Amino acid sequence: TEMTNIFNDMWAIYLSMFGVSLTLFTFIFSIMFSIKEELKNVIYSIKHSKAPSHTEMQKAKSLPNRIESLNTLNKHILILCFISILLFFFSYSSSRLIPETNSFRKSIFVFLSLSSLLYIMYVLIIILKVVKAYFKITKIQ
């Protein structure tokens, strides 16, 4: 029926969102790892240099901030991973285990719909923060 089709669409979307958020998490984690390695090299260079350059000193100050920003973003993405996988299991099990005639199924549908709206709002807030940070970083002085 139509409700079953909607549940099937929901769990497919949640599973896709899980995959996208997990991919983003892994990508950002690899960037963080690269920046940490760069920071180690800069610190080593500063320690073993008699007169460290201004550029090295600036990198030593700015790289931890980049790592922290990416870490915060990754925490939000990890939250999205968990939410999407929970919604996936909830919608998948609802479509498979609860009979179509059960009135509880409609309540679950309403819950999943509201959860989806909250999920989308959370994603939009994260996107706005990332875009704001992007324009702040790339602003020409």
Protein backbone atom coordinates (compact mmCIF):
# COMPACT_ATOMS: atom_id res chain seq x y z
CA THR A 1 0.00 0.00 0.00
CA GLU A 2 0.93 3.66 -0.05
CA MET A 3 2.03 3.78 3.60
CA THR A 4 4.39 0.83 2.99
CA ASN A 5 5.83 2.60 -0.04
CA ILE A 6 6.42 5.74 2.02
CA PHE A 7 8.17 3.73 4.76
CA ASN A 8 10.32 2.05 2.11
CA ASP A 9 11.24 5.44 0.66
CA MET A 10 12.04 6.74 4.15
CA TRP A 11 14.39 3.96 5.09
CA ALA A 12 16.12 4.18 1.70
CA ILE A 13 16.67 7.92 2.21
CA TYR A 14 17.92 7.42 5.78
CA LEU A 15 20.31 4.73 4.64
CA SER A 16 21.59 7.03 1.89
CA MET A 17 22.05 9.88 4.36
CA PHE A 18 23.99 7.54 6.61
CA GLY A 19 26.30 6.68 3.72
CA VAL A 20 26.82 10.33 2.79
CA SER A 21 27.49 11.42 6.37
CA LEU A 22 29.86 8.51 6.97
CA THR A 23 31.76 9.43 3.79
CA LEU A 24 32.01 13.06 4.91
CA PHE A 25 33.15 11.99 8.37
CA THR A 26 35.93 9.84 6.88
CA PHE A 27 36.99 12.57 4.45
CA ILE A 28 37.21 15.24 7.16
CA PHE A 29 39.00 12.84 9.46
CA SER A 30 41.67 12.27 6.81
CA ILE A 31 42.08 16.04 6.38
CA MET A 32 42.46 16.43 10.14
CA PHE A 33 45.10 13.70 10.17
CA SER A 34 47.04 15.48 7.40
CA ILE A 35 46.88 18.79 9.24
CA LYS A 36 48.10 17.12 12.45
CA GLU A 37 51.06 15.69 10.55
CA GLU A 38 51.79 19.11 9.10
CA LEU A 39 51.61 20.62 12.59
CA LYS A 40 54.09 18.03 13.88
CA ASN A 41 56.48 18.94 11.08
CA VAL A 42 56.12 22.66 11.75
CA ILE A 43 56.72 22.21 15.47
CA TYR A 44 59.75 20.03 14.78
CA SER A 45 61.08 22.67 12.37
CA ILE A 46 60.55 25.45 14.93
CA LYS A 47 62.25 23.48 17.71
CA HIS A 48 65.27 22.65 15.59
CA SER A 49 65.68 26.06 13.99
CA LYS A 50 67.74 28.85 15.49
CA ALA A 51 65.46 31.48 13.99
CA PRO A 52 62.06 30.10 12.93
CA SER A 53 60.39 32.00 10.11
CA HIS A 54 57.30 34.11 10.56
CA THR A 55 55.39 31.70 8.31
CA GLU A 56 56.27 28.73 10.52
CA MET A 57 55.16 30.61 13.62
CA GLN A 58 51.86 31.56 11.94
CA LYS A 59 51.27 27.94 10.92
CA ALA A 60 51.99 26.77 14.44
CA LYS A 61 49.29 29.15 15.69
CA SER A 62 46.67 28.56 12.98
CA LEU A 63 46.84 24.79 12.43
CA PRO A 64 45.43 23.85 15.88
CA ASN A 65 42.46 26.14 15.18
CA ARG A 66 41.83 24.39 11.87
CA ILE A 67 42.01 21.02 13.57
CA GLU A 68 39.56 22.14 16.24
CA SER A 69 37.12 23.52 13.65
CA LEU A 70 37.23 20.30 11.66
CA ASN A 71 36.85 18.28 14.84
CA THR A 72 33.72 20.22 15.76
CA LEU A 73 32.30 19.72 12.27
CA ASN A 74 33.09 16.01 12.43
CA LYS A 75 31.25 15.70 15.75
CA HIS A 76 28.13 17.14 14.11
CA ILE A 77 28.52 14.78 11.16
CA LEU A 78 28.90 11.84 13.54
CA ILE A 79 25.66 12.88 15.24
CA LEU A 80 24.01 12.90 11.82
CA CYS A 81 25.38 9.39 11.19
CA PHE A 82 23.82 8.08 14.39
CA ILE A 83 20.51 9.84 13.83
CA SER A 84 20.19 8.60 10.26
CA ILE A 85 21.03 5.00 11.16
CA LEU A 86 18.53 5.07 14.05
CA LEU A 87 15.83 6.47 11.80
CA PHE A 88 16.72 3.87 9.19
CA PHE A 89 16.30 0.98 11.63
CA PHE A 90 13.12 2.49 13.03
CA SER A 91 11.50 3.00 9.62
CA TYR A 92 12.76 -0.31 8.23
CA SER A 93 11.47 -2.31 11.19
CA SER A 94 8.18 -0.41 11.12
CA SER A 95 7.63 -1.24 7.47
CA ARG A 96 8.50 -4.90 7.99
CA LEU A 97 7.22 -5.79 11.46
CA ILE A 98 4.12 -3.72 12.15
CA PRO A 99 0.98 -4.71 10.25
CA GLU A 100 -0.54 -2.08 7.97
CA THR A 101 -3.81 -2.19 9.87
CA ASN A 102 -2.19 -1.29 13.18
CA SER A 103 -2.96 2.30 14.27
CA PHE A 104 0.46 2.51 15.96
CA ARG A 105 1.99 2.50 12.49
CA LYS A 106 0.42 5.91 11.78
CA SER A 107 1.94 7.26 14.99
CA ILE A 108 5.34 5.99 13.92
CA PHE A 109 4.85 7.64 10.54
CA VAL A 110 4.13 10.98 12.23
CA PHE A 111 7.17 10.53 14.49
CA LEU A 112 9.42 9.73 11.53
CA SER A 113 8.07 12.68 9.56
CA LEU A 114 8.76 15.09 12.42
CA SER A 115 12.17 13.52 12.98
CA SER A 116 12.94 14.00 9.31
CA LEU A 117 12.08 17.68 9.55
CA LEU A 118 14.32 18.10 12.58
CA TYR A 119 17.08 16.20 10.78
CA ILE A 120 16.81 18.48 7.74
CA MET A 121 16.88 21.58 9.97
CA TYR A 122 20.01 20.27 11.71
CA VAL A 123 21.68 19.63 8.35
CA LEU A 124 20.77 23.14 7.17
CA ILE A 125 22.21 24.71 10.34
CA ILE A 126 25.47 22.81 9.84
CA ILE A 127 25.61 23.87 6.19
CA LEU A 128 25.04 27.51 7.14
CA LYS A 129 27.83 27.34 9.71
CA VAL A 130 30.21 25.79 7.18
CA VAL A 131 29.35 28.38 4.53
CA LYS A 132 29.79 31.20 7.06
CA ALA A 133 33.18 29.81 8.07
CA TYR A 134 34.13 29.43 4.41
CA PHE A 135 33.39 33.08 3.65
CA LYS A 136 35.19 34.17 6.81
CA ILE A 137 38.31 32.18 5.86
CA THR A 138 38.32 33.19 2.20
CA LYS A 139 37.54 36.87 2.81
CA ILE A 140 40.01 39.12 1.05
CA GLN A 141 41.35 41.73 3.38
